Amino acid sequence: MATNPPSGDGHRNGAVKGRSQVLNPKTGLYTKRNTENGQFMDVKTTGGKFKGVRKEK
């Protein structure tokens, strides 16, 4: 299997596990959620989506 060099440069390879994001219809911003207990973690203040975090339906 191929790797993405250089290793250790601080970027993420692949998706973030155990997290999901959902769009808040009132504010229009995405909110990150922990899938283990459903707790809301963070809100994306600059607009757009979180990178590498799956969306909920």
PDB file of N, CA and C in Angstrom:
ATOM      1  N   MET A   1       0.841  -1.176   0.000  1.00  0.00           N
ATOM      2  CA  MET A   1       0.000   0.000   0.000  1.00  0.00           C
ATOM      3  C   MET A   1       0.887   1.242   0.000  1.00  0.00           C
ATOM      4  N   ALA A   2       0.500   2.228  -0.747  1.00  0.00           N
ATOM      5  CA  ALA A   2       1.296   3.446  -0.865  1.00  0.00           C
ATOM      6  C   ALA A   2       1.063   4.365   0.324  1.00  0.00           C
ATOM      7  N   THR A   3       2.064   5.171   0.621  1.00  0.00           N
ATOM      8  CA  THR A   3       1.954   6.174   1.683  1.00  0.00           C
ATOM      9  C   THR A   3       1.993   7.561   1.062  1.00  0.00           C
ATOM     10  N   ASN A   4       1.670   8.547   1.861  1.00  0.00           N
ATOM     11  CA  ASN A   4       1.694   9.931   1.392  1.00  0.00           C
ATOM     12  C   ASN A   4       2.871  10.650   2.034  1.00  0.00           C
ATOM     13  N   PRO A   5       4.037  10.652   1.386  1.00  0.00           N
ATOM     14  CA  PRO A   5       5.190  11.320   1.984  1.00  0.00           C
ATOM     15  C   PRO A   5       5.041  12.824   1.898  1.00  0.00           C
ATOM     16  N   PRO A   6       5.689  13.625   2.686  1.00  0.00           N
ATOM     17  CA  PRO A   6       6.549  13.200   3.793  1.00  0.00           C
ATOM     18  C   PRO A   6       5.716  12.920   5.041  1.00  0.00           C
ATOM     19  N   SER A   7       6.082  11.898   5.773  1.00  0.00           N
ATOM     20  CA  SER A   7       5.337  11.579   6.991  1.00  0.00           C
ATOM     21  C   SER A   7       5.737  12.530   8.112  1.00  0.00           C
ATOM     22  N   GLY A   8       4.808  12.775   9.026  1.00  0.00           N
ATOM     23  CA  GLY A   8       5.098  13.650  10.156  1.00  0.00           C
ATOM     24  C   GLY A   8       5.021  15.126   9.848  1.00  0.00           C
ATOM     25  N   ASP A   9       4.391  15.522   8.730  1.00  0.00           N
ATOM     26  CA  ASP A   9       4.309  16.946   8.403  1.00  0.00           C
ATOM     27  C   ASP A   9       3.036  17.597   8.918  1.00  0.00           C
ATOM     28  N   GLY A  10       2.238  16.863   9.718  1.00  0.00           N
ATOM     29  CA  GLY A  10       1.106  17.462  10.396  1.00  0.00           C
ATOM     30  C   GLY A  10      -0.208  17.409   9.647  1.00  0.00           C
ATOM     31  N   HIS A  11      -0.271  16.818   8.457  1.00  0.00           N
ATOM     32  CA  HIS A  11      -1.559  16.737   7.762  1.00  0.00           C
ATOM     33  C   HIS A  11      -2.181  15.371   7.977  1.00  0.00           C
ATOM     34  N   ARG A  12      -3.508  15.318   7.796  1.00  0.00           N
ATOM     35  CA  ARG A  12      -4.276  14.121   8.056  1.00  0.00           C
ATOM     36  C   ARG A  12      -4.394  13.301   6.780  1.00  0.00           C
ATOM     37  N   ASN A  13      -4.235  11.974   6.906  1.00  0.00           N
ATOM     38  CA  ASN A  13      -4.491  11.057   5.800  1.00  0.00           C
ATOM     39  C   ASN A  13      -5.789  10.322   6.086  1.00  0.00           C
ATOM     40  N   GLY A  14      -6.798  10.503   5.238  1.00  0.00           N
ATOM     41  CA  GLY A  14      -8.066   9.814   5.424  1.00  0.00           C
ATOM     42  C   GLY A  14      -9.053  10.621   6.243  1.00  0.00           C
ATOM     43  N   ALA A  15     -10.181   9.982   6.542  1.00  0.00           N
ATOM     44  CA  ALA A  15     -11.270  10.659   7.235  1.00  0.00           C
ATOM     45  C   ALA A  15     -11.078  10.638   8.742  1.00  0.00           C
ATOM     46  N   VAL A  16     -11.722  11.582   9.424  1.00  0.00           N
ATOM     47  CA  VAL A  16     -11.722  11.633  10.881  1.00  0.00           C
ATOM     48  C   VAL A  16     -12.722  10.595  11.384  1.00  0.00           C
ATOM     49  N   LYS A  17     -12.322   9.759  12.333  1.00  0.00           N
ATOM     50  CA  LYS A  17     -13.201   8.698  12.828  1.00  0.00           C
ATOM     51  C   LYS A  17     -13.925   9.155  14.092  1.00  0.00           C
ATOM     52  N   GLY A  18     -15.137   8.667  14.259  1.00  0.00           N
ATOM     53  CA  GLY A  18     -15.910   8.974  15.454  1.00  0.00           C
ATOM     54  C   GLY A  18     -16.519  10.355  15.470  1.00  0.00           C
ATOM     55  N   ARG A  19     -16.577  11.024  14.316  1.00  0.00           N
ATOM     56  CA  ARG A  19     -17.147  12.365  14.234  1.00  0.00           C
ATOM     57  C   ARG A  19     -18.090  12.456  13.055  1.00  0.00           C
ATOM     58  N   SER A  20     -19.057  13.350  13.152  1.00  0.00           N
ATOM     59  CA  SER A  20     -19.947  13.647  12.040  1.00  0.00           C
ATOM     60  C   SER A  20     -20.290  15.128  12.114  1.00  0.00           C
ATOM     61  N   GLN A  21     -20.851  15.640  11.038  1.00  0.00           N
ATOM     62  CA  GLN A  21     -21.239  17.048  11.033  1.00  0.00           C
ATOM     63  C   GLN A  21     -22.655  17.178  10.512  1.00  0.00           C
ATOM     64  N   VAL A  22     -23.330  18.192  11.030  1.00  0.00           N
ATOM     65  CA  VAL A  22     -24.708  18.443  10.639  1.00  0.00           C
ATOM     66  C   VAL A  22     -24.865  19.956  10.447  1.00  0.00           C
ATOM     67  N   LEU A  23     -25.688  20.341   9.487  1.00  0.00           N
ATOM     68  CA  LEU A  23     -25.920  21.749   9.198  1.00  0.00           C
ATOM     69  C   LEU A  23     -26.996  22.296  10.115  1.00  0.00           C
ATOM     70  N   ASN A  24     -26.698  23.395  10.804  1.00  0.00           N
ATOM     71  CA  ASN A  24     -27.668  24.071  11.656  1.00  0.00           C
ATOM     72  C   ASN A  24     -28.519  24.973  10.760  1.00  0.00           C
ATOM     73  N   PRO A  25     -29.818  24.708  10.626  1.00  0.00           N
ATOM     74  CA  PRO A  25     -30.635  25.499   9.706  1.00  0.00           C
ATOM     75  C   PRO A  25     -30.841  26.949  10.135  1.00  0.00           C
ATOM     76  N   LYS A  26     -30.757  27.233  11.434  1.00  0.00           N
ATOM     77  CA  LYS A  26     -30.955  28.618  11.893  1.00  0.00           C
ATOM     78  C   LYS A  26     -29.765  29.501  11.564  1.00  0.00           C
ATOM     79  N   THR A  27     -28.559  28.997  11.799  1.00  0.00           N
ATOM     80  CA  THR A  27     -27.368  29.810  11.584  1.00  0.00           C
ATOM     81  C   THR A  27     -26.732  29.579  10.229  1.00  0.00           C
ATOM     82  N   GLY A  28     -27.005  28.417   9.606  1.00  0.00           N
ATOM     83  CA  GLY A  28     -26.394  28.087   8.326  1.00  0.00           C
ATOM     84  C   GLY A  28     -24.955  27.610   8.467  1.00  0.00           C
ATOM     85  N   LEU A  29     -24.523  27.275   9.694  1.00  0.00           N
ATOM     86  CA  LEU A  29     -23.160  26.820   9.938  1.00  0.00           C
ATOM     87  C   LEU A  29     -23.159  25.336  10.289  1.00  0.00           C
ATOM     88  N   TYR A  30     -22.046  24.670   9.990  1.00  0.00           N
ATOM     89  CA  TYR A  30     -21.914  23.250  10.313  1.00  0.00           C
ATOM     90  C   TYR A  30     -21.452  23.075  11.747  1.00  0.00           C
ATOM     91  N   THR A  31     -21.998  22.049  12.405  1.00  0.00           N
ATOM     92  CA  THR A  31     -21.656  21.720  13.781  1.00  0.00           C
ATOM     93  C   THR A  31     -21.081  20.319  13.808  1.00  0.00           C
ATOM     94  N   LYS A  32     -19.935  20.154  14.481  1.00  0.00           N
ATOM     95  CA  LYS A  32     -19.292  18.855  14.592  1.00  0.00           C
ATOM     96  C   LYS A  32     -19.840  18.117  15.798  1.00  0.00           C
ATOM     97  N   ARG A  33     -20.068  16.792  15.624  1.00  0.00           N
ATOM     98  CA  ARG A  33     -20.683  15.981  16.662  1.00  0.00           C
ATOM     99  C   ARG A  33     -19.847  14.746  16.936  1.00  0.00           C
ATOM    100  N   ASN A  34     -19.817  14.319  18.190  1.00  0.00           N
ATOM    101  CA  ASN A  34     -19.160  13.085  18.580  1.00  0.00           C
ATOM    102  C   ASN A  34     -20.160  11.952  18.387  1.00  0.00           C
ATOM    103  N   THR A  35     -19.787  10.899  17.648  1.00  0.00           N
ATOM    104  CA  THR A  35     -20.745   9.829  17.369  1.00  0.00           C
ATOM    105  C   THR A  35     -20.886   8.858  18.530  1.00  0.00           C
ATOM    106  N   GLU A  36     -19.961   8.877  19.494  1.00  0.00           N
ATOM    107  CA  GLU A  36     -20.061   7.969  20.642  1.00  0.00           C
ATOM    108  C   GLU A  36     -21.232   8.335  21.546  1.00  0.00           C
ATOM    109  N   ASN A  37     -21.347   9.620  21.907  1.00  0.00           N
ATOM    110  CA  ASN A  37     -22.406  10.023  22.830  1.00  0.00           C
ATOM    111  C   ASN A  37     -23.324  11.097  22.243  1.00  0.00           C
ATOM    112  N   GLY A  38     -23.117  11.510  21.002  1.00  0.00           N
ATOM    113  CA  GLY A  38     -23.981  12.474  20.345  1.00  0.00           C
ATOM    114  C   GLY A  38     -23.786  13.907  20.801  1.00  0.00           C
ATOM    115  N   GLN A  39     -22.732  14.163  21.550  1.00  0.00           N
ATOM    116  CA  GLN A  39     -22.485  15.505  22.083  1.00  0.00           C
ATOM    117  C   GLN A  39     -21.936  16.419  20.992  1.00  0.00           C
ATOM    118  N   PHE A  40     -22.447  17.667  20.956  1.00  0.00           N
ATOM    119  CA  PHE A  40     -21.938  18.649  20.008  1.00  0.00           C
ATOM    120  C   PHE A  40     -20.584  19.141  20.491  1.00  0.00           C
ATOM    121  N   MET A  41     -19.636  19.272  19.553  1.00  0.00           N
ATOM    122  CA  MET A  41     -18.269  19.596  19.932  1.00  0.00           C
ATOM    123  C   MET A  41     -17.839  20.990  19.500  1.00  0.00           C
ATOM    124  N   ASP A  42     -18.119  21.354  18.255  1.00  0.00           N
ATOM    125  CA  ASP A  42     -17.539  22.570  17.703  1.00  0.00           C
ATOM    126  C   ASP A  42     -18.449  23.100  16.596  1.00  0.00           C
ATOM    127  N   VAL A  43     -18.384  24.411  16.346  1.00  0.00           N
ATOM    128  CA  VAL A  43     -19.133  25.041  15.262  1.00  0.00           C
ATOM    129  C   VAL A  43     -18.136  25.689  14.323  1.00  0.00           C
ATOM    130  N   LYS A  44     -18.334  25.495  13.047  1.00  0.00           N
ATOM    131  CA  LYS A  44     -17.449  26.081  12.035  1.00  0.00           C
ATOM    132  C   LYS A  44     -17.857  27.529  11.826  1.00  0.00           C
ATOM    133  N   THR A  45     -17.056  28.464  12.318  1.00  0.00           N
ATOM    134  CA  THR A  45     -17.433  29.872  12.296  1.00  0.00           C
ATOM    135  C   THR A  45     -17.132  30.551  10.968  1.00  0.00           C
ATOM    136  N   THR A  46     -16.207  30.021  10.166  1.00  0.00           N
ATOM    137  CA  THR A  46     -15.845  30.673   8.915  1.00  0.00           C
ATOM    138  C   THR A  46     -16.730  30.259   7.755  1.00  0.00           C
ATOM    139  N   GLY A  47     -17.711  29.397   7.996  1.00  0.00           N
ATOM    140  CA  GLY A  47     -18.583  28.931   6.930  1.00  0.00           C
ATOM    141  C   GLY A  47     -17.980  27.731   6.224  1.00  0.00           C
ATOM    142  N   GLY A  48     -18.796  27.029   5.474  1.00  0.00           N
ATOM    143  CA  GLY A  48     -18.325  25.830   4.790  1.00  0.00           C
ATOM    144  C   GLY A  48     -18.389  24.619   5.697  1.00  0.00           C
ATOM    145  N   LYS A  49     -17.770  23.520   5.222  1.00  0.00           N
ATOM    146  CA  LYS A  49     -17.823  22.259   5.941  1.00  0.00           C
ATOM    147  C   LYS A  49     -16.484  21.963   6.599  1.00  0.00           C
ATOM    148  N   PHE A  50     -16.512  21.073   7.600  1.00  0.00           N
ATOM    149  CA  PHE A  50     -15.286  20.570   8.196  1.00  0.00           C
ATOM    150  C   PHE A  50     -14.622  19.620   7.209  1.00  0.00           C
ATOM    151  N   LYS A  51     -13.292  19.653   7.110  1.00  0.00           N
ATOM    152  CA  LYS A  51     -12.581  18.770   6.197  1.00  0.00           C
ATOM    153  C   LYS A  51     -12.473  17.374   6.788  1.00  0.00           C
ATOM    154  N   GLY A  52     -12.833  16.376   6.004  1.00  0.00           N
ATOM    155  CA  GLY A  52     -12.636  14.991   6.401  1.00  0.00           C
ATOM    156  C   GLY A  52     -13.631  14.459   7.400  1.00  0.00           C
ATOM    157  N   VAL A  53     -14.696  15.202   7.705  1.00  0.00           N
ATOM    158  CA  VAL A  53     -15.710  14.749   8.667  1.00  0.00           C
ATOM    159  C   VAL A  53     -16.967  14.427   7.878  1.00  0.00           C
ATOM    160  N   ARG A  54     -17.538  13.227   8.122  1.00  0.00           N
ATOM    161  CA  ARG A  54     -18.709  12.819   7.349  1.00  0.00           C
ATOM    162  C   ARG A  54     -19.946  13.600   7.751  1.00  0.00           C
ATOM    163  N   LYS A  55     -20.895  13.726   6.811  1.00  0.00           N
ATOM    164  CA  LYS A  55     -22.137  14.446   7.059  1.00  0.00           C
ATOM    165  C   LYS A  55     -23.219  13.480   7.523  1.00  0.00           C
ATOM    166  N   GLU A  56     -24.090  13.947   8.393  1.00  0.00           N
ATOM    167  CA  GLU A  56     -25.275  13.183   8.809  1.00  0.00           C
ATOM    168  C   GLU A  56     -26.398  13.478   7.833  1.00  0.00           C
ATOM    169  N   LYS A  57     -27.350  12.571   7.772  1.00  0.00           N
ATOM    170  CA  LYS A  57     -28.519  12.803   6.912  1.00  0.00           C
ATOM    171  C   LYS A  57     -29.666  13.318   7.738  1.00  0.00           C
TER     172      LYS A  57
END
